[in-house]
PDB file of all heavy atoms in Angstrom:
ATOM      1  N   ARG A   1      47.979 163.907 -50.215  1.00  0.00           N
ATOM      2  CA  ARG A   1      48.189 165.103 -49.540  1.00  0.00           C
ATOM      3  C   ARG A   1      48.018 165.010 -48.016  1.00  0.00           C
ATOM      4  O   ARG A   1      47.627 165.849 -47.324  1.00  0.00           O
ATOM      5  CB  ARG A   1      47.081 166.301 -50.023  1.00  0.00           C
ATOM      6  CG  ARG A   1      47.367 166.601 -51.516  1.00  0.00           C
ATOM      7  CD  ARG A   1      46.505 167.717 -51.856  1.00  0.00           C
ATOM      8  NE  ARG A   1      46.743 168.274 -53.253  1.00  0.00           N
ATOM      9  CZ  ARG A   1      47.709 169.143 -53.438  1.00  0.00           C
ATOM     10  NH1 ARG A   1      48.312 169.725 -52.520  1.00  0.00           N
ATOM     11  NH2 ARG A   1      47.934 169.674 -54.703  1.00  0.00           N
ATOM     12  N   ALA A   2      48.303 163.858 -47.464  1.00  0.00           N
ATOM     13  CA  ALA A   2      48.280 163.693 -45.955  1.00  0.00           C
ATOM     14  C   ALA A   2      46.987 164.073 -45.510  1.00  0.00           C
ATOM     15  O   ALA A   2      46.827 164.780 -44.424  1.00  0.00           O
ATOM     16  CB  ALA A   2      49.368 164.419 -45.254  1.00  0.00           C
ATOM     17  N   THR A   3      45.874 163.508 -46.117  1.00  0.00           N
ATOM     18  CA  THR A   3      44.595 163.910 -45.779  1.00  0.00           C
ATOM     19  C   THR A   3      43.958 163.212 -44.589  1.00  0.00           C
ATOM     20  O   THR A   3      44.234 161.964 -44.404  1.00  0.00           O
ATOM     21  CB  THR A   3      43.664 163.523 -46.949  1.00  0.00           C
ATOM     22  OG1 THR A   3      44.081 164.352 -48.157  1.00  0.00           O
ATOM     23  CG2 THR A   3      42.232 163.904 -46.794  1.00  0.00           C
ATOM     24  N   SER A   4      43.312 163.927 -43.720  1.00  0.00           N
ATOM     25  CA  SER A   4      42.666 163.449 -42.542  1.00  0.00           C
ATOM     26  C   SER A   4      41.228 163.988 -42.652  1.00  0.00           C
ATOM     27  O   SER A   4      41.013 165.095 -42.410  1.00  0.00           O
ATOM     28  CB  SER A   4      43.424 163.825 -41.314  1.00  0.00           C
ATOM     29  OG  SER A   4      42.617 163.262 -40.213  1.00  0.00           O
ATOM     30  N   LEU A   5      40.272 163.089 -42.828  1.00  0.00           N
ATOM     31  CA  LEU A   5      38.899 163.495 -42.880  1.00  0.00           C
ATOM     32  C   LEU A   5      38.103 162.853 -41.797  1.00  0.00           C
ATOM     33  O   LEU A   5      38.119 161.622 -41.612  1.00  0.00           O
ATOM     34  CB  LEU A   5      38.261 163.037 -44.370  1.00  0.00           C
ATOM     35  CG  LEU A   5      36.856 163.400 -44.508  1.00  0.00           C
ATOM     36  CD1 LEU A   5      36.579 164.825 -44.623  1.00  0.00           C
ATOM     37  CD2 LEU A   5      36.421 162.678 -45.810  1.00  0.00           C
ATOM     38  N   THR A   6      37.477 163.695 -40.969  1.00  0.00           N
ATOM     39  CA  THR A   6      36.678 163.182 -39.788  1.00  0.00           C
ATOM     40  C   THR A   6      35.199 163.493 -40.004  1.00  0.00           C
ATOM     41  O   THR A   6      34.822 164.576 -40.404  1.00  0.00           O
ATOM     42  CB  THR A   6      37.091 163.951 -38.516  1.00  0.00           C
ATOM     43  OG1 THR A   6      38.447 163.750 -38.381  1.00  0.00           O
ATOM     44  CG2 THR A   6      36.294 163.334 -37.361  1.00  0.00           C
ATOM     45  N   LEU A   7      34.339 162.488 -39.930  1.00  0.00           N
ATOM     46  CA  LEU A   7      32.896 162.611 -39.977  1.00  0.00           C
ATOM     47  C   LEU A   7      32.306 162.164 -38.641  1.00  0.00           C
ATOM     48  O   LEU A   7      32.595 161.035 -38.067  1.00  0.00           O
ATOM     49  CB  LEU A   7      32.348 161.571 -41.082  1.00  0.00           C
ATOM     50  CG  LEU A   7      32.895 161.536 -42.552  1.00  0.00           C
ATOM     51  CD1 LEU A   7      32.299 160.618 -43.373  1.00  0.00           C
ATOM     52  CD2 LEU A   7      32.827 162.968 -43.003  1.00  0.00           C
ATOM     53  N   VAL A   8      31.420 163.134 -38.095  1.00  0.00           N
ATOM     54  CA  VAL A   8      30.864 162.961 -36.803  1.00  0.00           C
ATOM     55  C   VAL A   8      29.289 162.780 -36.973  1.00  0.00           C
ATOM     56  O   VAL A   8      28.639 163.693 -37.614  1.00  0.00           O
ATOM     57  CB  VAL A   8      31.131 164.109 -35.855  1.00  0.00           C
ATOM     58  CG1 VAL A   8      30.507 163.856 -34.437  1.00  0.00           C
ATOM     59  CG2 VAL A   8      32.680 164.117 -35.624  1.00  0.00           C
ATOM     60  N   PHE A   9      28.674 161.824 -36.483  1.00  0.00           N
ATOM     61  CA  PHE A   9      27.273 161.552 -36.428  1.00  0.00           C
ATOM     62  C   PHE A   9      26.711 161.659 -35.078  1.00  0.00           C
ATOM     63  O   PHE A   9      27.274 161.266 -34.089  1.00  0.00           O
ATOM     64  CB  PHE A   9      26.843 160.089 -37.012  1.00  0.00           C
ATOM     65  CG  PHE A   9      27.356 159.945 -38.417  1.00  0.00           C
ATOM     66  CD1 PHE A   9      28.515 159.501 -38.675  1.00  0.00           C
ATOM     67  CD2 PHE A   9      26.426 160.137 -39.480  1.00  0.00           C
ATOM     68  CE1 PHE A   9      28.969 159.264 -40.012  1.00  0.00           C
ATOM     69  CE2 PHE A   9      26.764 159.769 -40.675  1.00  0.00           C
ATOM     70  CZ  PHE A   9      28.063 159.512 -41.103  1.00  0.00           C
ATOM     71  N   SER A  10      25.546 162.356 -34.902  1.00  0.00           N
ATOM     72  CA  SER A  10      24.912 162.578 -33.711  1.00  0.00           C
ATOM     73  C   SER A  10      23.483 161.957 -33.645  1.00  0.00           C
ATOM     74  O   SER A  10      22.839 161.788 -34.711  1.00  0.00           O
ATOM     75  CB  SER A  10      24.723 164.083 -33.408  1.00  0.00           C
ATOM     76  OG  SER A  10      26.010 164.678 -33.389  1.00  0.00           O
ATOM     77  N   LEU A  11      23.152 161.422 -32.506  1.00  0.00           N
ATOM     78  CA  LEU A  11      21.786 160.682 -32.288  1.00  0.00           C
ATOM     79  C   LEU A  11      20.947 161.497 -31.345  1.00  0.00           C
ATOM     80  O   LEU A  11      21.482 161.844 -30.195  1.00  0.00           O
ATOM     81  CB  LEU A  11      22.197 159.304 -31.803  1.00  0.00           C
ATOM     82  CG  LEU A  11      20.904 158.406 -31.400  1.00  0.00           C
ATOM     83  CD1 LEU A  11      19.926 158.192 -32.612  1.00  0.00           C
ATOM     84  CD2 LEU A  11      21.333 157.107 -30.675  1.00  0.00           C
ATOM     85  N   ASN A  12      19.657 161.699 -31.681  1.00  0.00           N
ATOM     86  CA  ASN A  12      18.749 162.313 -30.822  1.00  0.00           C
ATOM     87  C   ASN A  12      18.041 161.079 -30.147  1.00  0.00           C
ATOM     88  O   ASN A  12      17.165 160.542 -30.941  1.00  0.00           O
ATOM     89  CB  ASN A  12      17.900 163.191 -31.621  1.00  0.00           C
ATOM     90  CG  ASN A  12      16.878 164.063 -30.648  1.00  0.00           C
ATOM     91  OD1 ASN A  12      16.422 163.455 -29.731  1.00  0.00           O
ATOM     92  ND2 ASN A  12      16.646 165.217 -31.030  1.00  0.00           N
ATOM     93  N   ALA A  13      18.166 160.877 -28.972  1.00  0.00           N
ATOM     94  CA  ALA A  13      17.535 159.804 -28.216  1.00  0.00           C
ATOM     95  C   ALA A  13      16.030 159.887 -28.175  1.00  0.00           C
ATOM     96  O   ALA A  13      15.322 158.912 -28.226  1.00  0.00           O
ATOM     97  CB  ALA A  13      18.178 159.614 -26.872  1.00  0.00           C
ATOM     98  N   THR A  14      15.605 161.140 -28.082  1.00  0.00           N
ATOM     99  CA  THR A  14      14.216 161.328 -27.933  1.00  0.00           C
ATOM    100  C   THR A  14      13.328 160.919 -29.214  1.00  0.00           C
ATOM    101  O   THR A  14      12.351 160.235 -29.149  1.00  0.00           O
ATOM    102  CB  THR A  14      13.816 162.793 -27.589  1.00  0.00           C
ATOM    103  OG1 THR A  14      14.571 163.191 -26.410  1.00  0.00           O
ATOM    104  CG2 THR A  14      12.410 163.073 -27.504  1.00  0.00           C
ATOM    105  N   SER A  15      13.975 161.351 -30.399  1.00  0.00           N
ATOM    106  CA  SER A  15      13.301 161.055 -31.682  1.00  0.00           C
ATOM    107  C   SER A  15      13.786 159.848 -32.348  1.00  0.00           C
ATOM    108  O   SER A  15      13.241 159.341 -33.414  1.00  0.00           O
ATOM    109  CB  SER A  15      13.416 162.289 -32.656  1.00  0.00           C
ATOM    110  OG  SER A  15      14.756 162.510 -32.947  1.00  0.00           O
ATOM    111  N   SER A  16      14.919 159.264 -31.754  1.00  0.00           N
ATOM    112  CA  SER A  16      15.633 158.090 -32.409  1.00  0.00           C
ATOM    113  C   SER A  16      15.974 158.384 -33.797  1.00  0.00           C
ATOM    114  O   SER A  16      15.885 157.480 -34.708  1.00  0.00           O
ATOM    115  CB  SER A  16      14.612 156.832 -32.414  1.00  0.00           C
ATOM    116  OG  SER A  16      14.265 156.551 -31.050  1.00  0.00           O
ATOM    117  N   LYS A  17      16.389 159.634 -34.081  1.00  0.00           N
ATOM    118  CA  LYS A  17      16.870 160.033 -35.385  1.00  0.00           C
ATOM    119  C   LYS A  17      18.306 160.338 -35.221  1.00  0.00           C
ATOM    120  O   LYS A  17      18.749 161.062 -34.248  1.00  0.00           O
ATOM    121  CB  LYS A  17      16.084 161.178 -35.933  1.00  0.00           C
ATOM    122  CG  LYS A  17      14.704 160.979 -36.222  1.00  0.00           C
ATOM    123  CD  LYS A  17      14.497 160.059 -37.283  1.00  0.00           C
ATOM    124  CE  LYS A  17      12.913 159.864 -37.799  1.00  0.00           C
ATOM    125  NZ  LYS A  17      12.641 159.049 -38.919  1.00  0.00           N
ATOM    126  N   TYR A  18      19.251 160.184 -36.324  1.00  0.00           N
ATOM    127  CA  TYR A  18      20.652 160.517 -36.355  1.00  0.00           C
ATOM    128  C   TYR A  18      20.851 161.357 -37.551  1.00  0.00           C
ATOM    129  O   TYR A  18      20.135 161.308 -38.504  1.00  0.00           O
ATOM    130  CB  TYR A  18      21.524 159.331 -36.398  1.00  0.00           C
ATOM    131  CG  TYR A  18      21.341 158.346 -37.417  1.00  0.00           C
ATOM    132  CD1 TYR A  18      22.028 158.609 -38.679  1.00  0.00           C
ATOM    133  CD2 TYR A  18      20.658 157.207 -37.312  1.00  0.00           C
ATOM    134  CE1 TYR A  18      21.947 157.694 -39.722  1.00  0.00           C
ATOM    135  CE2 TYR A  18      20.537 156.265 -38.437  1.00  0.00           C
ATOM    136  CZ  TYR A  18      21.122 156.531 -39.670  1.00  0.00           C
ATOM    137  OH  TYR A  18      21.106 155.748 -40.734  1.00  0.00           O
ATOM    138  N   HIS A  19      21.924 161.970 -37.573  1.00  0.00           N
ATOM    139  CA  HIS A  19      22.327 162.818 -38.762  1.00  0.00           C
ATOM    140  C   HIS A  19      23.885 163.043 -38.692  1.00  0.00           C
ATOM    141  O   HIS A  19      24.430 162.812 -37.668  1.00  0.00           O
ATOM    142  CB  HIS A  19      21.644 164.075 -38.885  1.00  0.00           C
ATOM    143  CG  HIS A  19      21.965 165.040 -37.724  1.00  0.00           C
ATOM    144  ND1 HIS A  19      21.336 164.971 -36.391  1.00  0.00           N
ATOM    145  CD2 HIS A  19      22.718 166.224 -37.709  1.00  0.00           C
ATOM    146  CE1 HIS A  19      21.849 165.955 -35.665  1.00  0.00           C
ATOM    147  NE2 HIS A  19      22.750 166.754 -36.413  1.00  0.00           N
ATOM    148  N   LEU A  20      24.405 163.403 -39.801  1.00  0.00           N
ATOM    149  CA  LEU A  20      25.896 163.852 -39.897  1.00  0.00           C
ATOM    150  C   LEU A  20      25.960 165.256 -39.457  1.00  0.00           C
ATOM    151  O   LEU A  20      25.443 166.291 -40.050  1.00  0.00           O
ATOM    152  CB  LEU A  20      26.283 163.682 -41.481  1.00  0.00           C
ATOM    153  CG  LEU A  20      27.730 164.212 -41.604  1.00  0.00           C
ATOM    154  CD1 LEU A  20      28.792 163.295 -40.812  1.00  0.00           C
ATOM    155  CD2 LEU A  20      28.211 164.314 -43.166  1.00  0.00           C
ATOM    156  N   SER A  21      26.494 165.453 -38.318  1.00  0.00           N
ATOM    157  CA  SER A  21      26.623 166.852 -37.643  1.00  0.00           C
ATOM    158  C   SER A  21      27.866 167.547 -37.895  1.00  0.00           C
ATOM    159  O   SER A  21      27.892 168.801 -37.674  1.00  0.00           O
ATOM    160  CB  SER A  21      26.206 166.685 -36.154  1.00  0.00           C
ATOM    161  OG  SER A  21      27.288 165.788 -35.563  1.00  0.00           O
ATOM    162  N   GLY A  22      28.991 166.831 -38.184  1.00  0.00           N
ATOM    163  CA  GLY A  22      30.266 167.519 -38.305  1.00  0.00           C
ATOM    164  C   GLY A  22      31.268 166.931 -39.257  1.00  0.00           C
ATOM    165  O   GLY A  22      31.226 165.629 -39.429  1.00  0.00           O
ATOM    166  N   VAL A  23      31.933 167.721 -39.920  1.00  0.00           N
ATOM    167  CA  VAL A  23      32.933 167.234 -40.963  1.00  0.00           C
ATOM    168  C   VAL A  23      34.228 168.178 -40.786  1.00  0.00           C
ATOM    169  O   VAL A  23      34.095 169.390 -40.744  1.00  0.00           O
ATOM    170  CB  VAL A  23      32.551 167.291 -42.393  1.00  0.00           C
ATOM    171  CG1 VAL A  23      33.576 166.973 -43.370  1.00  0.00           C
ATOM    172  CG2 VAL A  23      31.270 166.335 -42.526  1.00  0.00           C
ATOM    173  N   THR A  24      35.356 167.447 -40.662  1.00  0.00           N
ATOM    174  CA  THR A  24      36.629 168.257 -40.498  1.00  0.00           C
ATOM    175  C   THR A  24      37.661 167.666 -41.436  1.00  0.00           C
ATOM    176  O   THR A  24      37.698 166.472 -41.579  1.00  0.00           O
ATOM    177  CB  THR A  24      37.083 168.086 -39.044  1.00  0.00           C
ATOM    178  OG1 THR A  24      36.252 168.620 -38.187  1.00  0.00           O
ATOM    179  CG2 THR A  24      38.390 169.009 -38.939  1.00  0.00           C
ATOM    180  N   LEU A  25      38.388 168.556 -42.177  1.00  0.00           N
ATOM    181  CA  LEU A  25      39.415 168.218 -43.165  1.00  0.00           C
ATOM    182  C   LEU A  25      40.731 168.944 -42.711  1.00  0.00           C
ATOM    183  O   LEU A  25      40.772 170.078 -42.523  1.00  0.00           O
ATOM    184  CB  LEU A  25      39.082 168.564 -44.565  1.00  0.00           C
ATOM    185  CG  LEU A  25      40.141 168.400 -45.625  1.00  0.00           C
ATOM    186  CD1 LEU A  25      40.327 166.888 -45.763  1.00  0.00           C
ATOM    187  CD2 LEU A  25      39.741 169.081 -46.967  1.00  0.00           C
ATOM    188  N   LEU A  26      41.687 167.981 -42.543  1.00  0.00           N
ATOM    189  CA  LEU A  26      43.091 168.566 -42.304  1.00  0.00           C
ATOM    190  C   LEU A  26      43.844 167.905 -43.674  1.00  0.00           C
ATOM    191  O   LEU A  26      43.747 166.643 -43.848  1.00  0.00           O
ATOM    192  CB  LEU A  26      43.715 167.980 -41.130  1.00  0.00           C
ATOM    193  CG  LEU A  26      43.076 168.445 -39.910  1.00  0.00           C
ATOM    194  CD1 LEU A  26      43.725 167.878 -38.594  1.00  0.00           C
ATOM    195  CD2 LEU A  26      43.260 170.037 -39.720  1.00  0.00           C
ATOM    196  N   ALA A  27      44.562 168.734 -44.374  1.00  0.00           N
ATOM    197  CA  ALA A  27      45.385 168.199 -45.545  1.00  0.00           C
ATOM    198  C   ALA A  27      46.507 169.169 -45.886  1.00  0.00           C
ATOM    199  O   ALA A  27      46.593 170.281 -45.383  1.00  0.00           O
ATOM    200  CB  ALA A  27      44.379 168.112 -46.744  1.00  0.00           C
ATOM    201  N   ALA A  28      47.382 168.728 -46.685  1.00  0.00           N
ATOM    202  CA  ALA A  28      48.564 169.473 -47.061  1.00  0.00           C
ATOM    203  C   ALA A  28      48.368 170.506 -48.235  1.00  0.00           C
ATOM    204  O   ALA A  28      49.192 170.775 -48.993  1.00  0.00           O
ATOM    205  CB  ALA A  28      49.641 168.480 -47.540  1.00  0.00           C
ATOM    206  N   TRP A  29      46.998 171.037 -48.343  1.00  0.00           N
ATOM    207  CA  TRP A  29      46.859 172.147 -49.197  1.00  0.00           C
ATOM    208  C   TRP A  29      47.391 173.369 -48.378  1.00  0.00           C
ATOM    209  O   TRP A  29      47.351 173.463 -47.103  1.00  0.00           O
ATOM    210  CB  TRP A  29      45.387 172.369 -49.622  1.00  0.00           C
ATOM    211  CG  TRP A  29      44.962 171.372 -50.695  1.00  0.00           C
ATOM    212  CD1 TRP A  29      45.238 171.707 -52.105  1.00  0.00           C
ATOM    213  CD2 TRP A  29      44.270 170.281 -50.644  1.00  0.00           C
ATOM    214  NE1 TRP A  29      44.714 170.691 -52.783  1.00  0.00           N
ATOM    215  CE2 TRP A  29      44.072 169.822 -51.942  1.00  0.00           C
ATOM    216  CE3 TRP A  29      43.605 169.470 -49.683  1.00  0.00           C
ATOM    217  CZ2 TRP A  29      43.419 168.660 -52.262  1.00  0.00           C
ATOM    218  CZ3 TRP A  29      42.940 168.302 -49.950  1.00  0.00           C
ATOM    219  CH2 TRP A  29      42.851 167.917 -51.208  1.00  0.00           C
ATOM    220  N   PRO A  30      47.565 174.508 -49.079  1.00  0.00           N
ATOM    221  CA  PRO A  30      48.088 175.890 -48.183  1.00  0.00           C
ATOM    222  C   PRO A  30      46.923 176.098 -47.307  1.00  0.00           C
ATOM    223  O   PRO A  30      45.793 176.397 -47.609  1.00  0.00           O
ATOM    224  CB  PRO A  30      48.171 176.806 -49.356  1.00  0.00           C
ATOM    225  CG  PRO A  30      48.471 176.014 -50.579  1.00  0.00           C
ATOM    226  CD  PRO A  30      47.683 174.788 -50.503  1.00  0.00           C
ATOM    227  N   ASP A  31      47.318 176.153 -45.984  1.00  0.00           N
ATOM    228  CA  ASP A  31      46.445 176.651 -44.857  1.00  0.00           C
ATOM    229  C   ASP A  31      45.101 175.836 -44.865  1.00  0.00           C
ATOM    230  O   ASP A  31      43.954 176.647 -44.707  1.00  0.00           O
ATOM    231  CB  ASP A  31      46.168 178.170 -44.936  1.00  0.00           C
ATOM    232  CG  ASP A  31      47.450 178.935 -44.951  1.00  0.00           C
ATOM    233  OD1 ASP A  31      48.342 178.545 -44.218  1.00  0.00           O
ATOM    234  OD2 ASP A  31      47.565 179.961 -45.687  1.00  0.00           O
TER     235      ASP A  31
END
């Protein structure tokens, strides 16, 4: 389905902790 999946991770330099902060999906499903 011409899928494009983006995973964005962010790092907090103060606490030295990271997490998954963003997910985006583009695909050939309707809208």
